[in-house]
Protein backbone atom coordinates (compact mmCIF):
# COMPACT_ATOMS: atom_id res chain seq x y z
CA MET A 1 32.27 -104.17 22.04
CA SER A 2 34.61 -106.09 19.94
CA LEU A 3 35.37 -109.90 19.12
CA ARG A 4 38.37 -111.68 18.44
CA LEU A 5 37.46 -114.00 15.56
CA PHE A 6 38.66 -116.55 13.13
CA ALA A 7 37.14 -118.95 10.52
CA ALA A 8 38.06 -122.52 11.02
CA ILE A 9 37.43 -126.26 10.16
CA ALA A 10 36.73 -128.46 13.31
CA ILE A 11 38.74 -131.52 13.43
CA PRO A 12 36.72 -134.79 13.78
CA ASP A 13 36.81 -136.54 17.11
CA GLU A 14 38.57 -139.71 16.03
CA ILE A 15 41.42 -137.69 14.26
CA ALA A 16 41.54 -135.21 17.34
CA GLU A 17 42.19 -138.25 19.68
CA ARG A 18 45.13 -139.19 17.37
CA LEU A 19 46.53 -135.75 17.55
CA ILE A 20 46.22 -135.70 21.29
CA ALA A 21 48.19 -138.98 21.48
CA LEU A 22 51.11 -137.28 19.74
CA GLN A 23 51.50 -134.37 22.25
CA ARG A 24 54.70 -135.44 23.86
CA ASP A 25 58.46 -135.14 24.18
CA VAL A 26 58.81 -131.50 23.63
CA PRO A 27 59.67 -129.73 27.02
CA GLY A 28 58.39 -126.10 26.93
CA ALA A 29 55.41 -127.09 24.81
CA LYS A 30 52.12 -125.68 25.78
CA TRP A 31 49.99 -128.47 24.24
CA ARG A 32 46.49 -127.47 22.95
CA PRO A 33 43.56 -129.25 24.55
CA ARG A 34 41.22 -131.20 22.41
CA GLU A 35 38.53 -128.40 22.07
CA ASN A 36 41.22 -126.11 20.61
CA LEU A 37 42.35 -128.39 17.78
CA HIS A 38 41.12 -126.75 14.47
CA LEU A 39 42.35 -125.74 11.03
CA THR A 40 42.34 -121.98 10.61
CA LEU A 41 41.08 -120.54 7.33
CA ARG A 42 41.53 -116.85 8.40
CA PHE A 43 42.25 -115.05 11.54
CA PHE A 44 40.25 -111.80 11.67
CA ASP A 45 41.51 -110.56 14.99
CA GLU A 46 39.64 -108.05 17.09
CA VAL A 47 36.78 -106.56 15.11
CA ALA A 48 33.81 -104.39 16.05
CA GLU A 49 30.40 -106.01 16.20
CA PRO A 50 29.22 -104.45 12.93
CA VAL A 51 32.23 -105.84 11.13
CA ALA A 52 31.69 -109.24 12.86
CA ASP A 53 28.13 -109.06 11.38
CA GLU A 54 29.52 -108.33 7.86
CA ILE A 55 32.02 -111.05 8.19
CA ASP A 56 29.23 -113.56 9.09
CA ALA A 57 27.11 -112.52 6.19
CA GLU A 58 30.25 -112.84 3.82
CA LEU A 59 31.09 -116.36 5.17
CA ALA A 60 27.51 -117.58 4.85
CA GLN A 61 27.30 -116.28 1.37
CA LEU A 62 30.62 -117.90 0.30
CA ALA A 63 29.72 -121.33 1.83
CA GLU A 64 27.05 -121.49 -0.69
CA ALA A 65 29.67 -121.65 -3.49
CA HIS A 66 31.73 -124.40 -2.03
CA SER A 67 31.04 -128.13 -2.24
CA PRO A 68 31.97 -130.58 0.64
CA PHE A 69 35.47 -131.90 0.03
CA GLU A 70 37.93 -134.62 1.42
CA LEU A 71 40.82 -133.39 3.65
CA GLN A 72 43.71 -135.40 5.20
CA LEU A 73 46.02 -134.40 7.74
CA LYS A 74 49.86 -135.19 7.14
CA GLY A 75 53.38 -134.30 8.13
CA ALA A 76 54.45 -131.76 10.72
CA GLY A 77 56.49 -128.51 11.25
CA ALA A 78 57.24 -125.65 13.33
CA PHE A 79 56.89 -121.81 12.88
CA GLY A 80 59.65 -119.66 13.95
CA GLY A 81 62.76 -120.99 12.42
CA ALA A 82 65.75 -121.13 14.85
CA ASP A 83 63.48 -119.71 17.49
CA PRO A 84 60.32 -121.86 17.13
CA HIS A 85 57.08 -120.59 18.74
CA ALA A 86 54.66 -123.25 17.47
CA ILE A 87 54.60 -126.77 16.35
CA TRP A 88 51.88 -128.11 14.07
CA VAL A 89 50.47 -130.89 11.99
CA GLY A 90 49.84 -130.09 8.36
CA ALA A 91 47.18 -130.78 5.69
CA GLY A 92 47.79 -132.57 2.54
CA GLU A 93 47.39 -130.76 -0.85
CA SER A 94 43.88 -129.67 -1.30
CA ALA A 95 42.61 -127.32 -4.09
CA PRO A 96 39.18 -126.93 -2.38
CA LEU A 97 40.80 -126.11 0.92
CA LYS A 98 43.03 -123.53 -0.69
CA LYS A 99 40.06 -121.91 -2.59
CA LEU A 100 38.00 -121.91 0.74
CA ALA A 101 40.67 -119.98 2.65
CA ALA A 102 41.25 -117.75 -0.37
CA ASP A 103 37.47 -116.90 -0.28
CA CYS A 104 37.69 -116.36 3.53
CA GLU A 105 40.57 -113.81 2.79
CA ARG A 106 38.41 -112.11 0.15
CA ALA A 107 35.46 -112.03 2.56
CA ALA A 108 37.78 -110.35 5.08
CA ARG A 109 38.84 -107.82 2.72
CA ARG A 110 35.20 -106.91 1.64
CA ALA A 111 34.53 -106.46 5.37
CA GLY A 112 37.30 -103.79 5.45
CA LEU A 113 40.13 -105.79 7.06
CA LYS A 114 43.63 -105.48 5.84
CA PRO A 115 45.17 -108.42 3.90
CA GLU A 116 46.78 -111.31 5.88
CA LYS A 117 50.34 -110.85 6.29
CA HIS A 118 51.30 -114.44 5.97
CA LYS A 119 50.81 -116.94 3.18
CA PHE A 120 48.06 -119.64 4.05
CA THR A 121 49.75 -122.58 5.42
CA PRO A 122 47.19 -125.13 6.36
CA HIS A 123 47.83 -126.58 9.75
CA VAL A 124 46.51 -127.73 13.12
CA THR A 125 48.43 -126.03 15.87
CA MET A 126 49.55 -128.72 18.35
CA ALA A 127 51.34 -126.54 20.91
CA TYR A 128 52.95 -123.01 21.44
CA LEU A 129 56.38 -122.99 22.64
CA SER A 130 58.21 -121.24 25.47
CA ASN A 131 62.00 -121.62 25.43
CA ALA A 132 61.69 -125.11 23.77
CA GLU A 133 65.09 -126.82 22.81
CA LEU A 134 65.47 -126.78 19.14
CA GLY A 135 66.56 -130.30 18.87
CA ARG A 136 63.41 -131.49 20.55
CA VAL A 137 61.23 -129.52 18.16
CA HIS A 138 63.27 -131.05 15.18
CA ALA A 139 62.79 -134.53 16.73
CA PHE A 140 58.98 -133.88 16.92
CA GLU A 141 58.98 -132.85 13.12
CA GLN A 142 60.96 -135.93 12.21
CA ARG A 143 58.83 -138.30 14.26
CA LEU A 144 55.88 -137.02 12.56
CA GLY A 145 57.30 -136.60 9.16
CA LEU A 146 55.39 -139.56 7.77
CA PHE A 147 52.22 -139.08 9.92
CA GLN A 148 48.93 -138.98 8.02
CA THR A 149 45.36 -139.45 8.84
CA ALA A 150 42.61 -141.17 7.03
CA PRO A 151 40.86 -138.49 4.67
CA PHE A 152 37.78 -137.14 6.34
CA TRP A 153 35.01 -134.95 4.69
CA VAL A 154 34.75 -131.35 5.36
CA GLU A 155 30.97 -130.43 5.07
CA ARG A 156 31.06 -127.14 7.08
CA PHE A 157 33.28 -124.61 8.67
CA GLY A 158 32.73 -122.15 11.48
CA LEU A 159 33.18 -118.57 12.72
CA TYR A 160 34.74 -118.80 16.30
CA SER A 161 35.49 -116.05 18.84
CA SER A 162 38.61 -116.64 20.97
CA TRP A 163 38.74 -115.47 24.65
CA GLN A 164 42.34 -115.15 25.97
CA ARG A 165 42.92 -116.41 29.58
CA LYS A 166 45.95 -115.63 31.70
CA SER A 167 46.77 -119.00 32.96
CA ALA A 168 44.87 -121.41 30.61
CA PRO A 169 44.49 -121.90 26.91
CA SER A 170 42.19 -119.46 25.02
CA LEU A 171 38.59 -120.41 25.22
CA TYR A 172 36.99 -120.81 21.72
CA ARG A 173 33.37 -120.55 21.09
CA LEU A 174 31.29 -121.37 17.97
CA GLU A 175 29.55 -118.18 16.87
CA ALA A 176 28.26 -119.44 13.47
CA GLU A 177 28.45 -122.42 11.30
CA TYR A 178 28.30 -122.48 7.55
CA GLN A 179 27.22 -125.63 5.62
CA LEU A 180 29.26 -126.22 2.38
CA ILE A 181 26.53 -126.62 -0.20
CA GLY A 182 27.89 -125.60 -3.55
């Protein structure tokens, strides 16, 4: 059996509520439900259970080397250029976040996974897009250009499984949680 896994930081409820309130005015957007809002550190994709166990052990070990840190969400953007496929809210500059993501990448490599193809861009996916009008996507980005949340503390991150469903958003389940104790 295999699992589709990713490491992510959960979004605090009060901030998630603010994000949900922003989900409007982009026809063709498949808005993410509250329970799916997170900041991905590393997507591992489909892995066999022994590899999942190895990833779990690696993440538990690296969490011990990281201290809690403050994070702030700010700004917005889209992936896909002239044919956008997702819109997102970004994260402010954070050296501890970048280091945590880089360590998750190293953990994936030690577990035998291939390197991530894309440069780490810290973000919370707000919606996946299907035939969205480019002008509406740009308007969303402009509307949220100065958006920012209050800083919040990141004290843990999780290993999540993702279960794809045909006519509903993916179902995410927390498989393990790692306290930042460095």
